[in-house]
Amino acid sequence: MKIYVAMIADRHSDTEPYPFSTPEAAIDYARRTAAEYAHRPEDIDEIETDGWLYHATYSGESDSVWVVEKELDGGTDG
């Protein structure tokens, strides 16, 4: 089963994963988080990154969000 993980990497906290059942929900969450954490809208820089569904930085300090697709339980049957 595929899941979509939004990762939030902010220098003021630990990097955290947020799992979602659809890529749209994960990407929407990542975009909203970047907008909420950015000091100004122009600080958000969306970047195409191979293997990631979404990636953006939202500060000059490399704070970022990204979304990846993963298999639940690592793709195993157990």
N, C-alpha and C. Protein backbone atom coordinates (compact mmCIF):
# COMPACT_ATOMS: atom_id res chain seq x y z
N MET A 1 0.84 -1.17 0.00
CA MET A 1 0.00 0.00 0.00
C MET A 1 0.89 1.24 0.00
N LYS A 2 0.61 2.15 -0.89
CA LYS A 2 1.39 3.38 -0.98
C LYS A 2 0.88 4.40 0.04
N ILE A 3 1.82 5.11 0.64
CA ILE A 3 1.50 6.26 1.47
C ILE A 3 2.35 7.42 0.99
N TYR A 4 1.98 8.60 1.40
CA TYR A 4 2.67 9.81 0.96
C TYR A 4 3.08 10.56 2.22
N VAL A 5 4.37 10.82 2.33
CA VAL A 5 4.92 11.38 3.55
C VAL A 5 5.40 12.81 3.30
N ALA A 6 4.80 13.75 4.03
CA ALA A 6 5.26 15.13 4.00
C ALA A 6 6.29 15.27 5.12
N MET A 7 7.46 15.74 4.77
CA MET A 7 8.54 15.95 5.74
C MET A 7 8.72 17.44 5.96
N ILE A 8 8.83 17.83 7.22
CA ILE A 8 9.05 19.22 7.58
C ILE A 8 10.40 19.31 8.29
N ALA A 9 11.33 20.07 7.70
CA ALA A 9 12.66 20.24 8.28
C ALA A 9 12.87 21.71 8.59
N ASP A 10 12.63 22.06 9.85
CA ASP A 10 12.75 23.44 10.31
C ASP A 10 13.86 23.51 11.36
N ARG A 11 14.72 24.48 11.26
CA ARG A 11 15.87 24.57 12.17
C ARG A 11 15.48 24.76 13.62
N HIS A 12 14.22 25.10 13.87
CA HIS A 12 13.77 25.33 15.25
C HIS A 12 13.15 24.09 15.89
N SER A 13 13.10 22.98 15.15
CA SER A 13 12.50 21.76 15.70
C SER A 13 13.10 20.54 15.01
N ASP A 14 12.77 19.37 15.51
CA ASP A 14 13.21 18.13 14.88
C ASP A 14 12.49 17.95 13.55
N THR A 15 13.14 17.30 12.60
CA THR A 15 12.50 16.95 11.33
C THR A 15 11.39 15.95 11.63
N GLU A 16 10.20 16.20 11.09
CA GLU A 16 9.07 15.34 11.38
C GLU A 16 8.38 14.86 10.12
N PRO A 17 7.95 13.58 10.11
CA PRO A 17 7.17 13.04 9.01
C PRO A 17 5.67 13.13 9.30
N TYR A 18 4.88 13.39 8.27
CA TYR A 18 3.43 13.43 8.38
C TYR A 18 2.87 12.57 7.25
N PRO A 19 2.31 11.38 7.57
CA PRO A 19 1.82 10.46 6.53
C PRO A 19 0.40 10.82 6.06
N PHE A 20 0.16 10.59 4.77
CA PHE A 20 -1.14 10.85 4.15
C PHE A 20 -1.49 9.71 3.20
N SER A 21 -2.76 9.57 2.92
CA SER A 21 -3.22 8.50 2.03
C SER A 21 -3.22 8.90 0.56
N THR A 22 -3.12 10.21 0.28
CA THR A 22 -3.08 10.65 -1.12
C THR A 22 -1.95 11.66 -1.32
N PRO A 23 -1.39 11.70 -2.53
CA PRO A 23 -0.33 12.68 -2.78
C PRO A 23 -0.86 14.11 -2.70
N GLU A 24 -2.09 14.32 -3.11
CA GLU A 24 -2.67 15.66 -3.09
C GLU A 24 -2.75 16.21 -1.67
N ALA A 25 -3.18 15.36 -0.73
CA ALA A 25 -3.29 15.80 0.66
C ALA A 25 -1.91 16.12 1.24
N ALA A 26 -0.93 15.29 0.93
CA ALA A 26 0.43 15.51 1.44
C ALA A 26 1.04 16.79 0.87
N ILE A 27 0.87 17.00 -0.43
CA ILE A 27 1.41 18.19 -1.08
C ILE A 27 0.70 19.45 -0.56
N ASP A 28 -0.61 19.37 -0.40
CA ASP A 28 -1.35 20.52 0.14
C ASP A 28 -0.86 20.86 1.54
N TYR A 29 -0.65 19.84 2.38
CA TYR A 29 -0.15 20.08 3.73
C TYR A 29 1.24 20.72 3.69
N ALA A 30 2.12 20.21 2.84
CA ALA A 30 3.48 20.76 2.73
C ALA A 30 3.44 22.22 2.27
N ARG A 31 2.60 22.51 1.28
CA ARG A 31 2.48 23.90 0.79
C ARG A 31 1.94 24.83 1.87
N ARG A 32 0.90 24.38 2.59
CA ARG A 32 0.33 25.21 3.65
C ARG A 32 1.34 25.43 4.77
N THR A 33 2.12 24.40 5.10
CA THR A 33 3.12 24.53 6.15
C THR A 33 4.20 25.52 5.74
N ALA A 34 4.67 25.42 4.50
CA ALA A 34 5.68 26.37 4.02
C ALA A 34 5.14 27.80 4.08
N ALA A 35 3.90 27.99 3.67
CA ALA A 35 3.30 29.33 3.70
C ALA A 35 3.15 29.84 5.14
N GLU A 36 2.81 28.94 6.05
CA GLU A 36 2.64 29.33 7.46
C GLU A 36 3.98 29.70 8.10
N TYR A 37 5.04 28.93 7.79
CA TYR A 37 6.33 29.14 8.43
C TYR A 37 7.18 30.22 7.77
N ALA A 38 6.91 30.54 6.50
CA ALA A 38 7.70 31.55 5.80
C ALA A 38 7.44 32.94 6.39
N HIS A 39 8.47 33.75 6.45
CA HIS A 39 8.29 35.12 6.93
C HIS A 39 7.52 35.95 5.90
N ARG A 40 7.81 35.69 4.62
CA ARG A 40 7.14 36.40 3.52
C ARG A 40 6.83 35.39 2.43
N PRO A 41 5.75 35.58 1.67
CA PRO A 41 5.42 34.65 0.59
C PRO A 41 6.55 34.46 -0.43
N GLU A 42 7.31 35.53 -0.67
CA GLU A 42 8.40 35.43 -1.65
C GLU A 42 9.58 34.61 -1.14
N ASP A 43 9.58 34.23 0.13
CA ASP A 43 10.63 33.36 0.67
C ASP A 43 10.47 31.91 0.23
N ILE A 44 9.29 31.55 -0.25
CA ILE A 44 9.02 30.17 -0.65
C ILE A 44 9.58 29.94 -2.05
N ASP A 45 10.42 28.90 -2.15
CA ASP A 45 11.03 28.54 -3.43
C ASP A 45 10.72 27.07 -3.69
N GLU A 46 9.80 26.82 -4.63
CA GLU A 46 9.45 25.45 -4.99
C GLU A 46 10.50 24.92 -5.96
N ILE A 47 11.00 23.72 -5.69
CA ILE A 47 12.12 23.15 -6.42
C ILE A 47 11.74 21.76 -6.93
N GLU A 48 11.99 21.47 -8.21
CA GLU A 48 11.80 20.12 -8.72
C GLU A 48 12.98 19.27 -8.29
N THR A 49 12.70 18.17 -7.61
CA THR A 49 13.74 17.29 -7.11
C THR A 49 13.40 15.86 -7.52
N ASP A 50 14.32 15.20 -8.21
CA ASP A 50 14.09 13.82 -8.66
C ASP A 50 13.73 12.92 -7.49
N GLY A 51 12.67 12.13 -7.67
CA GLY A 51 12.26 11.18 -6.65
C GLY A 51 11.31 11.74 -5.61
N TRP A 52 11.10 13.05 -5.60
CA TRP A 52 10.19 13.67 -4.65
C TRP A 52 8.99 14.22 -5.40
N LEU A 53 7.82 14.16 -4.79
CA LEU A 53 6.61 14.68 -5.42
C LEU A 53 6.49 16.19 -5.27
N TYR A 54 7.11 16.72 -4.22
CA TYR A 54 7.07 18.16 -3.97
C TYR A 54 8.27 18.50 -3.10
N HIS A 55 8.83 19.70 -3.31
CA HIS A 55 9.94 20.17 -2.48
C HIS A 55 9.94 21.69 -2.52
N ALA A 56 10.07 22.31 -1.35
CA ALA A 56 10.16 23.77 -1.28
C ALA A 56 10.99 24.17 -0.07
N THR A 57 11.74 25.24 -0.23
CA THR A 57 12.37 25.88 0.92
C THR A 57 11.54 27.12 1.23
N TYR A 58 11.59 27.54 2.49
CA TYR A 58 10.80 28.70 2.87
C TYR A 58 11.57 29.70 3.70
N SER A 59 12.91 29.58 3.69
CA SER A 59 13.74 30.58 4.37
C SER A 59 15.14 30.53 3.76
N GLY A 60 15.93 31.53 4.07
CA GLY A 60 17.32 31.54 3.63
C GLY A 60 18.19 30.61 4.45
N GLU A 61 17.62 29.96 5.44
CA GLU A 61 18.34 29.06 6.33
C GLU A 61 18.14 27.59 5.93
N SER A 62 17.64 27.34 4.74
CA SER A 62 17.40 25.99 4.22
C SER A 62 16.28 25.24 4.92
N ASP A 63 15.40 25.91 5.64
CA ASP A 63 14.22 25.25 6.17
C ASP A 63 13.40 24.78 4.96
N SER A 64 12.87 23.56 5.04
CA SER A 64 12.21 23.04 3.86
C SER A 64 11.12 22.03 4.18
N VAL A 65 10.31 21.77 3.17
CA VAL A 65 9.28 20.74 3.20
C VAL A 65 9.43 19.91 1.93
N TRP A 66 9.08 18.63 2.02
CA TRP A 66 9.07 17.81 0.83
C TRP A 66 8.10 16.66 1.02
N VAL A 67 7.71 16.04 -0.10
CA VAL A 67 6.78 14.92 -0.07
C VAL A 67 7.38 13.79 -0.88
N VAL A 68 7.35 12.59 -0.28
CA VAL A 68 7.82 11.39 -0.97
C VAL A 68 6.74 10.32 -0.89
N GLU A 69 6.78 9.42 -1.87
CA GLU A 69 5.89 8.26 -1.90
C GLU A 69 6.65 7.08 -1.32
N LYS A 70 6.01 6.34 -0.42
CA LYS A 70 6.62 5.17 0.21
C LYS A 70 5.61 4.04 0.25
N GLU A 71 6.15 2.83 0.43
CA GLU A 71 5.29 1.67 0.64
C GLU A 71 5.12 1.48 2.14
N LEU A 72 3.87 1.31 2.57
CA LEU A 72 3.58 1.03 3.97
C LEU A 72 4.24 -0.28 4.36
N ASP A 73 4.86 -0.34 5.49
CA ASP A 73 5.60 -1.51 5.98
C ASP A 73 6.74 -1.88 5.04
N GLY A 74 7.27 -0.91 4.33
CA GLY A 74 8.41 -1.16 3.45
C GLY A 74 8.11 -2.08 2.29
N GLY A 75 6.82 -2.26 1.97
CA GLY A 75 6.44 -3.12 0.86
C GLY A 75 6.42 -4.59 1.18
N THR A 76 6.52 -4.93 2.47
CA THR A 76 6.49 -6.34 2.85
C THR A 76 5.06 -6.78 3.12
N ASP A 77 4.85 -8.06 3.19
CA ASP A 77 3.52 -8.59 3.47
C ASP A 77 3.25 -8.70 4.97
N GLY A 78 4.22 -8.43 5.82
CA GLY A 78 4.02 -8.62 7.25
C GLY A 78 4.08 -7.39 7.96
